[in-house]
Amino acid sequence: MDSSFYVYYCLNKKGIYVQIKQVTSSWNRKFLDAPGRTGKIFIINLILAAVRSQNDIALCLASSGIAAILLPGGRTAHYALKV
């Protein structure tokens, strides 16, 4: 990962939050993937707060148990979808 991207990303979290607020009304299903230590949990928490503040339903599904533990209300996809 390019360190300049990481600095840009960290400095623009407020801008990301504004973008999230603008597009959450049209989101249906999204997948978030990024390298480690880039703030994925921070962004997920923002998305969840934005969606839930609109009295909508938001589910956090992860591919592994460790990732699910880190998410608020997170479950593995296999457990939640009974796959």
PDB file of N, CA and C in Angstrom:
ATOM      1  N   MET A   1       0.837  -1.176   0.000  1.00  0.00           N
ATOM      2  CA  MET A   1       0.000   0.000   0.000  1.00  0.00           C
ATOM      3  C   MET A   1       0.879   1.235   0.000  1.00  0.00           C
ATOM      4  N   ASP A   2       0.530   2.193  -0.795  1.00  0.00           N
ATOM      5  CA  ASP A   2       1.256   3.446  -0.885  1.00  0.00           C
ATOM      6  C   ASP A   2       0.971   4.284   0.356  1.00  0.00           C
ATOM      7  N   SER A   3       2.020   4.750   1.040  1.00  0.00           N
ATOM      8  CA  SER A   3       1.828   5.518   2.268  1.00  0.00           C
ATOM      9  C   SER A   3       1.118   6.844   2.017  1.00  0.00           C
ATOM     10  N   SER A   4       1.284   7.423   0.820  1.00  0.00           N
ATOM     11  CA  SER A   4       0.581   8.676   0.524  1.00  0.00           C
ATOM     12  C   SER A   4      -0.926   8.445   0.460  1.00  0.00           C
ATOM     13  N   PHE A   5      -1.349   7.264  -0.012  1.00  0.00           N
ATOM     14  CA  PHE A   5      -2.774   6.935  -0.026  1.00  0.00           C
ATOM     15  C   PHE A   5      -3.304   6.863   1.399  1.00  0.00           C
ATOM     16  N   TYR A   6      -2.544   6.242   2.301  1.00  0.00           N
ATOM     17  CA  TYR A   6      -2.967   6.098   3.689  1.00  0.00           C
ATOM     18  C   TYR A   6      -3.134   7.468   4.344  1.00  0.00           C
ATOM     19  N   VAL A   7      -2.192   8.368   4.140  1.00  0.00           N
ATOM     20  CA  VAL A   7      -2.282   9.716   4.710  1.00  0.00           C
ATOM     21  C   VAL A   7      -3.488  10.440   4.126  1.00  0.00           C
ATOM     22  N   TYR A   8      -3.666  10.354   2.816  1.00  0.00           N
ATOM     23  CA  TYR A   8      -4.815  10.997   2.159  1.00  0.00           C
ATOM     24  C   TYR A   8      -6.116  10.444   2.717  1.00  0.00           C
ATOM     25  N   TYR A   9      -6.182   9.130   2.881  1.00  0.00           N
ATOM     26  CA  TYR A   9      -7.377   8.471   3.381  1.00  0.00           C
ATOM     27  C   TYR A   9      -7.697   8.935   4.797  1.00  0.00           C
ATOM     28  N   CYS A  10      -6.702   8.978   5.663  1.00  0.00           N
ATOM     29  CA  CYS A  10      -6.922   9.384   7.057  1.00  0.00           C
ATOM     30  C   CYS A  10      -7.352  10.835   7.151  1.00  0.00           C
ATOM     31  N   LEU A  11      -6.778  11.689   6.347  1.00  0.00           N
ATOM     32  CA  LEU A  11      -7.125  13.103   6.399  1.00  0.00           C
ATOM     33  C   LEU A  11      -8.494  13.393   5.805  1.00  0.00           C
ATOM     34  N   ASN A  12      -9.013  12.486   5.002  1.00  0.00           N
ATOM     35  CA  ASN A  12     -10.276  12.733   4.326  1.00  0.00           C
ATOM     36  C   ASN A  12     -11.423  11.895   4.865  1.00  0.00           C
ATOM     37  N   LYS A  13     -11.323  11.416   6.097  1.00  0.00           N
ATOM     38  CA  LYS A  13     -12.412  10.625   6.655  1.00  0.00           C
ATOM     39  C   LYS A  13     -13.684  11.447   6.792  1.00  0.00           C
ATOM     40  N   LYS A  14     -13.551  12.738   7.088  1.00  0.00           N
ATOM     41  CA  LYS A  14     -14.751  13.569   7.171  1.00  0.00           C
ATOM     42  C   LYS A  14     -15.406  13.673   5.796  1.00  0.00           C
ATOM     43  N   GLY A  15     -14.620  13.815   4.761  1.00  0.00           N
ATOM     44  CA  GLY A  15     -15.165  13.857   3.410  1.00  0.00           C
ATOM     45  C   GLY A  15     -15.845  12.553   3.038  1.00  0.00           C
ATOM     46  N   ILE A  16     -15.268  11.452   3.494  1.00  0.00           N
ATOM     47  CA  ILE A  16     -15.870  10.152   3.241  1.00  0.00           C
ATOM     48  C   ILE A  16     -17.205  10.058   3.959  1.00  0.00           C
ATOM     49  N   TYR A  17     -17.271  10.575   5.191  1.00  0.00           N
ATOM     50  CA  TYR A  17     -18.523  10.546   5.942  1.00  0.00           C
ATOM     51  C   TYR A  17     -19.608  11.334   5.205  1.00  0.00           C
ATOM     52  N   VAL A  18     -19.262  12.488   4.660  1.00  0.00           N
ATOM     53  CA  VAL A  18     -20.234  13.297   3.913  1.00  0.00           C
ATOM     54  C   VAL A  18     -20.730  12.523   2.692  1.00  0.00           C
ATOM     55  N   GLN A  19     -19.828  11.850   1.992  1.00  0.00           N
ATOM     56  CA  GLN A  19     -20.225  11.051   0.836  1.00  0.00           C
ATOM     57  C   GLN A  19     -21.124   9.899   1.251  1.00  0.00           C
ATOM     58  N   ILE A  20     -20.821   9.274   2.372  1.00  0.00           N
ATOM     59  CA  ILE A  20     -21.638   8.171   2.858  1.00  0.00           C
ATOM     60  C   ILE A  20     -23.045   8.655   3.169  1.00  0.00           C
ATOM     61  N   LYS A  21     -23.168   9.805   3.805  1.00  0.00           N
ATOM     62  CA  LYS A  21     -24.482  10.358   4.120  1.00  0.00           C
ATOM     63  C   LYS A  21     -25.284  10.610   2.848  1.00  0.00           C
ATOM     64  N   GLN A  22     -24.619  10.977   1.759  1.00  0.00           N
ATOM     65  CA  GLN A  22     -25.309  11.289   0.516  1.00  0.00           C
ATOM     66  C   GLN A  22     -25.793  10.039  -0.213  1.00  0.00           C
ATOM     67  N   VAL A  23     -25.077   8.947  -0.107  1.00  0.00           N
ATOM     68  CA  VAL A  23     -25.417   7.776  -0.920  1.00  0.00           C
ATOM     69  C   VAL A  23     -26.091   6.646  -0.164  1.00  0.00           C
ATOM     70  N   THR A  24     -26.192   6.719   1.162  1.00  0.00           N
ATOM     71  CA  THR A  24     -26.753   5.586   1.900  1.00  0.00           C
ATOM     72  C   THR A  24     -28.213   5.324   1.563  1.00  0.00           C
ATOM     73  N   SER A  25     -28.928   6.330   1.121  1.00  0.00           N
ATOM     74  CA  SER A  25     -30.331   6.103   0.795  1.00  0.00           C
ATOM     75  C   SER A  25     -30.498   5.200  -0.429  1.00  0.00           C
ATOM     76  N   SER A  26     -29.494   5.134  -1.294  1.00  0.00           N
ATOM     77  CA  SER A  26     -29.611   4.315  -2.502  1.00  0.00           C
ATOM     78  C   SER A  26     -28.846   2.997  -2.404  1.00  0.00           C
ATOM     79  N   TRP A  27     -28.204   2.737  -1.280  1.00  0.00           N
ATOM     80  CA  TRP A  27     -27.424   1.508  -1.147  1.00  0.00           C
ATOM     81  C   TRP A  27     -28.322   0.318  -0.921  1.00  0.00           C
ATOM     82  N   ASN A  28     -27.969  -0.760  -1.533  1.00  0.00           N
ATOM     83  CA  ASN A  28     -28.700  -2.002  -1.329  1.00  0.00           C
ATOM     84  C   ASN A  28     -27.787  -3.022  -0.666  1.00  0.00           C
ATOM     85  N   ARG A  29     -26.742  -3.446  -1.361  1.00  0.00           N
ATOM     86  CA  ARG A  29     -25.726  -4.354  -0.817  1.00  0.00           C
ATOM     87  C   ARG A  29     -24.364  -3.845  -1.259  1.00  0.00           C
ATOM     88  N   LYS A  30     -23.446  -3.792  -0.336  1.00  0.00           N
ATOM     89  CA  LYS A  30     -22.104  -3.327  -0.669  1.00  0.00           C
ATOM     90  C   LYS A  30     -21.076  -4.219  -0.015  1.00  0.00           C
ATOM     91  N   PHE A  31     -19.920  -4.296  -0.633  1.00  0.00           N
ATOM     92  CA  PHE A  31     -18.784  -5.068  -0.135  1.00  0.00           C
ATOM     93  C   PHE A  31     -17.629  -4.111   0.067  1.00  0.00           C
ATOM     94  N   LEU A  32     -17.055  -4.121   1.252  1.00  0.00           N
ATOM     95  CA  LEU A  32     -15.933  -3.247   1.564  1.00  0.00           C
ATOM     96  C   LEU A  32     -14.676  -4.085   1.726  1.00  0.00           C
ATOM     97  N   ASP A  33     -13.675  -3.783   0.926  1.00  0.00           N
ATOM     98  CA  ASP A  33     -12.407  -4.495   0.978  1.00  0.00           C
ATOM     99  C   ASP A  33     -11.289  -3.463   0.870  1.00  0.00           C
ATOM    100  N   ALA A  34     -10.321  -3.562   1.753  1.00  0.00           N
ATOM    101  CA  ALA A  34      -9.178  -2.652   1.732  1.00  0.00           C
ATOM    102  C   ALA A  34      -8.050  -3.299   2.511  1.00  0.00           C
ATOM    103  N   PRO A  35      -6.818  -2.826   2.316  1.00  0.00           N
ATOM    104  CA  PRO A  35      -5.691  -3.367   3.087  1.00  0.00           C
ATOM    105  C   PRO A  35      -5.861  -3.106   4.579  1.00  0.00           C
ATOM    106  N   GLY A  36      -5.093  -3.818   5.383  1.00  0.00           N
ATOM    107  CA  GLY A  36      -5.139  -3.629   6.827  1.00  0.00           C
ATOM    108  C   GLY A  36      -4.745  -2.225   7.252  1.00  0.00           C
ATOM    109  N   ARG A  37      -5.289  -1.790   8.378  1.00  0.00           N
ATOM    110  CA  ARG A  37      -4.981  -0.500   8.990  1.00  0.00           C
ATOM    111  C   ARG A  37      -5.358   0.681   8.115  1.00  0.00           C
ATOM    112  N   THR A  38      -6.449   0.567   7.362  1.00  0.00           N
ATOM    113  CA  THR A  38      -6.912   1.685   6.539  1.00  0.00           C
ATOM    114  C   THR A  38      -8.230   2.254   7.028  1.00  0.00           C
ATOM    115  N   GLY A  39      -8.754   1.760   8.142  1.00  0.00           N
ATOM    116  CA  GLY A  39      -9.954   2.339   8.725  1.00  0.00           C
ATOM    117  C   GLY A  39     -11.260   1.727   8.274  1.00  0.00           C
ATOM    118  N   LYS A  40     -11.235   0.457   7.897  1.00  0.00           N
ATOM    119  CA  LYS A  40     -12.473  -0.190   7.437  1.00  0.00           C
ATOM    120  C   LYS A  40     -13.550  -0.210   8.520  1.00  0.00           C
ATOM    121  N   ILE A  41     -13.171  -0.534   9.751  1.00  0.00           N
ATOM    122  CA  ILE A  41     -14.141  -0.587  10.846  1.00  0.00           C
ATOM    123  C   ILE A  41     -14.723   0.800  11.098  1.00  0.00           C
ATOM    124  N   PHE A  42     -13.898   1.820  11.005  1.00  0.00           N
ATOM    125  CA  PHE A  42     -14.373   3.200  11.158  1.00  0.00           C
ATOM    126  C   PHE A  42     -15.429   3.517  10.111  1.00  0.00           C
ATOM    127  N   ILE A  43     -15.155   3.186   8.868  1.00  0.00           N
ATOM    128  CA  ILE A  43     -16.097   3.448   7.781  1.00  0.00           C
ATOM    129  C   ILE A  43     -17.366   2.614   7.961  1.00  0.00           C
ATOM    130  N   ILE A  44     -17.221   1.361   8.342  1.00  0.00           N
ATOM    131  CA  ILE A  44     -18.391   0.514   8.563  1.00  0.00           C
ATOM    132  C   ILE A  44     -19.262   1.090   9.673  1.00  0.00           C
ATOM    133  N   ASN A  45     -18.647   1.548  10.754  1.00  0.00           N
ATOM    134  CA  ASN A  45     -19.421   2.161  11.833  1.00  0.00           C
ATOM    135  C   ASN A  45     -20.163   3.398  11.360  1.00  0.00           C
ATOM    136  N   LEU A  46     -19.542   4.199  10.496  1.00  0.00           N
ATOM    137  CA  LEU A  46     -20.219   5.366   9.934  1.00  0.00           C
ATOM    138  C   LEU A  46     -21.399   4.965   9.068  1.00  0.00           C
ATOM    139  N   ILE A  47     -21.188   3.953   8.237  1.00  0.00           N
ATOM    140  CA  ILE A  47     -22.270   3.482   7.367  1.00  0.00           C
ATOM    141  C   ILE A  47     -23.433   2.965   8.203  1.00  0.00           C
ATOM    142  N   LEU A  48     -23.121   2.155   9.214  1.00  0.00           N
ATOM    143  CA  LEU A  48     -24.176   1.613  10.079  1.00  0.00           C
ATOM    144  C   LEU A  48     -24.934   2.721  10.786  1.00  0.00           C
ATOM    145  N   ALA A  49     -24.228   3.687  11.317  1.00  0.00           N
ATOM    146  CA  ALA A  49     -24.886   4.786  12.016  1.00  0.00           C
ATOM    147  C   ALA A  49     -25.772   5.587  11.067  1.00  0.00           C
ATOM    148  N   ALA A  50     -25.284   5.830   9.850  1.00  0.00           N
ATOM    149  CA  ALA A  50     -26.070   6.601   8.881  1.00  0.00           C
ATOM    150  C   ALA A  50     -27.332   5.846   8.470  1.00  0.00           C
ATOM    151  N   VAL A  51     -27.196   4.561   8.198  1.00  0.00           N
ATOM    152  CA  VAL A  51     -28.345   3.767   7.769  1.00  0.00           C
ATOM    153  C   VAL A  51     -29.340   3.611   8.909  1.00  0.00           C
ATOM    154  N   ARG A  52     -28.849   3.276  10.088  1.00  0.00           N
ATOM    155  CA  ARG A  52     -29.738   3.055  11.232  1.00  0.00           C
ATOM    156  C   ARG A  52     -30.366   4.349  11.728  1.00  0.00           C
ATOM    157  N   SER A  53     -29.730   5.491  11.524  1.00  0.00           N
ATOM    158  CA  SER A  53     -30.333   6.763  11.925  1.00  0.00           C
ATOM    159  C   SER A  53     -31.535   7.106  11.056  1.00  0.00           C
ATOM    160  N   GLN A  54     -31.625   6.487   9.885  1.00  0.00           N
ATOM    161  CA  GLN A  54     -32.774   6.669   8.996  1.00  0.00           C
ATOM    162  C   GLN A  54     -33.838   5.603   9.241  1.00  0.00           C
ATOM    163  N   ASN A  55     -33.700   4.885  10.371  1.00  0.00           N
ATOM    164  CA  ASN A  55     -34.610   3.793  10.750  1.00  0.00           C
ATOM    165  C   ASN A  55     -34.655   2.684   9.710  1.00  0.00           C
ATOM    166  N   ASP A  56     -33.566   2.472   9.015  1.00  0.00           N
ATOM    167  CA  ASP A  56     -33.432   1.371   8.071  1.00  0.00           C
ATOM    168  C   ASP A  56     -32.693   0.222   8.744  1.00  0.00           C
ATOM    169  N   ILE A  57     -32.689  -0.920   8.096  1.00  0.00           N
ATOM    170  CA  ILE A  57     -32.027  -2.103   8.625  1.00  0.00           C
ATOM    171  C   ILE A  57     -30.656  -2.231   7.970  1.00  0.00           C
ATOM    172  N   ALA A  58     -29.653  -2.479   8.788  1.00  0.00           N
ATOM    173  CA  ALA A  58     -28.296  -2.679   8.292  1.00  0.00           C
ATOM    174  C   ALA A  58     -27.738  -3.946   8.923  1.00  0.00           C
ATOM    175  N   LEU A  59     -27.221  -4.835   8.108  1.00  0.00           N
ATOM    176  CA  LEU A  59     -26.603  -6.063   8.581  1.00  0.00           C
ATOM    177  C   LEU A  59     -25.111  -6.021   8.297  1.00  0.00           C
ATOM    178  N   CYS A  60     -24.326  -6.480   9.252  1.00  0.00           N
ATOM    179  CA  CYS A  60     -22.880  -6.597   9.054  1.00  0.00           C
ATOM    180  C   CYS A  60     -22.545  -8.069   8.946  1.00  0.00           C
ATOM    181  N   LEU A  61     -22.099  -8.478   7.774  1.00  0.00           N
ATOM    182  CA  LEU A  61     -21.704  -9.859   7.559  1.00  0.00           C
ATOM    183  C   LEU A  61     -20.231  -9.901   7.200  1.00  0.00           C
ATOM    184  N   ALA A  62     -19.537 -10.858   7.779  1.00  0.00           N
ATOM    185  CA  ALA A  62     -18.109 -11.016   7.518  1.00  0.00           C
ATOM    186  C   ALA A  62     -17.834 -12.446   7.086  1.00  0.00           C
ATOM    187  N   SER A  63     -16.696 -12.641   6.470  1.00  0.00           N
ATOM    188  CA  SER A  63     -16.355 -13.980   5.994  1.00  0.00           C
ATOM    189  C   SER A  63     -15.700 -14.837   7.064  1.00  0.00           C
ATOM    190  N   SER A  64     -15.189 -14.213   8.122  1.00  0.00           N
ATOM    191  CA  SER A  64     -14.550 -14.992   9.187  1.00  0.00           C
ATOM    192  C   SER A  64     -15.075 -14.558  10.546  1.00  0.00           C
ATOM    193  N   GLY A  65     -14.913 -15.438  11.521  1.00  0.00           N
ATOM    194  CA  GLY A  65     -15.377 -15.142  12.865  1.00  0.00           C
ATOM    195  C   GLY A  65     -14.646 -13.982  13.503  1.00  0.00           C
ATOM    196  N   ILE A  66     -13.349 -13.870  13.239  1.00  0.00           N
ATOM    197  CA  ILE A  66     -12.567 -12.770  13.809  1.00  0.00           C
ATOM    198  C   ILE A  66     -13.069 -11.438  13.265  1.00  0.00           C
ATOM    199  N   ALA A  67     -13.307 -11.363  11.981  1.00  0.00           N
ATOM    200  CA  ALA A  67     -13.821 -10.122  11.389  1.00  0.00           C
ATOM    201  C   ALA A  67     -15.209  -9.799  11.936  1.00  0.00           C
ATOM    202  N   ALA A  68     -16.041 -10.804  12.133  1.00  0.00           N
ATOM    203  CA  ALA A  68     -17.388 -10.578  12.653  1.00  0.00           C
ATOM    204  C   ALA A  68     -17.346 -10.040  14.075  1.00  0.00           C
ATOM    205  N   ILE A  69     -16.377 -10.477  14.866  1.00  0.00           N
ATOM    206  CA  ILE A  69     -16.251  -9.998  16.239  1.00  0.00           C
ATOM    207  C   ILE A  69     -15.966  -8.493  16.264  1.00  0.00           C
ATOM    208  N   LEU A  70     -15.228  -8.008  15.291  1.00  0.00           N
ATOM    209  CA  LEU A  70     -14.854  -6.598  15.257  1.00  0.00           C
ATOM    210  C   LEU A  70     -15.996  -5.693  14.822  1.00  0.00           C
ATOM    211  N   LEU A  71     -17.022  -6.235  14.204  1.00  0.00           N
ATOM    212  CA  LEU A  71     -18.138  -5.438  13.702  1.00  0.00           C
ATOM    213  C   LEU A  71     -19.240  -5.340  14.745  1.00  0.00           C
ATOM    214  N   PRO A  72     -19.843  -4.162  14.890  1.00  0.00           N
ATOM    215  CA  PRO A  72     -20.953  -4.034  15.838  1.00  0.00           C
ATOM    216  C   PRO A  72     -22.175  -4.806  15.336  1.00  0.00           C
ATOM    217  N   GLY A  73     -22.583  -5.804  16.085  1.00  0.00           N
ATOM    218  CA  GLY A  73     -23.698  -6.639  15.644  1.00  0.00           C
ATOM    219  C   GLY A  73     -23.328  -7.553  14.496  1.00  0.00           C
ATOM    220  N   GLY A  74     -22.039  -7.767  14.282  1.00  0.00           N
ATOM    221  CA  GLY A  74     -21.566  -8.537  13.141  1.00  0.00           C
ATOM    222  C   GLY A  74     -21.776 -10.030  13.301  1.00  0.00           C
ATOM    223  N   ARG A  75     -22.001 -10.687  12.194  1.00  0.00           N
ATOM    224  CA  ARG A  75     -22.161 -12.136  12.113  1.00  0.00           C
ATOM    225  C   ARG A  75     -21.381 -12.622  10.897  1.00  0.00           C
ATOM    226  N   THR A  76     -21.031 -13.894  10.928  1.00  0.00           N
ATOM    227  CA  THR A  76     -20.449 -14.449   9.709  1.00  0.00           C
ATOM    228  C   THR A  76     -21.569 -14.627   8.705  1.00  0.00           C
ATOM    229  N   ALA A  77     -21.232 -14.557   7.443  1.00  0.00           N
ATOM    230  CA  ALA A  77     -22.238 -14.704   6.393  1.00  0.00           C
ATOM    231  C   ALA A  77     -22.875 -16.093   6.457  1.00  0.00           C
ATOM    232  N   HIS A  78     -22.076 -17.095   6.778  1.00  0.00           N
ATOM    233  CA  HIS A  78     -22.597 -18.461   6.848  1.00  0.00           C
ATOM    234  C   HIS A  78     -23.644 -18.600   7.949  1.00  0.00           C
ATOM    235  N   TYR A  79     -23.396 -17.968   9.093  1.00  0.00           N
ATOM    236  CA  TYR A  79     -24.342 -18.065  10.211  1.00  0.00           C
ATOM    237  C   TYR A  79     -25.613 -17.264   9.912  1.00  0.00           C
ATOM    238  N   ALA A  80     -25.452 -16.050   9.429  1.00  0.00           N
ATOM    239  CA  ALA A  80     -26.608 -15.180   9.199  1.00  0.00           C
ATOM    240  C   ALA A  80     -27.503 -15.671   8.073  1.00  0.00           C
ATOM    241  N   LEU A  81     -26.912 -16.222   7.028  1.00  0.00           N
ATOM    242  CA  LEU A  81     -27.689 -16.644   5.867  1.00  0.00           C
ATOM    243  C   LEU A  81     -27.995 -18.141   5.880  1.00  0.00           C
ATOM    244  N   LYS A  82     -27.556 -18.827   6.930  1.00  0.00           N
ATOM    245  CA  LYS A  82     -27.786 -20.263   7.067  1.00  0.00           C
ATOM    246  C   LYS A  82     -27.286 -21.055   5.863  1.00  0.00           C
ATOM    247  N   VAL A  83     -26.084 -20.708   5.427  1.00  0.00           N
ATOM    248  CA  VAL A  83     -25.486 -21.369   4.262  1.00  0.00           C
ATOM    249  C   VAL A  83     -24.767 -22.620   4.705  1.00  0.00           C
TER     250      VAL A  83
END
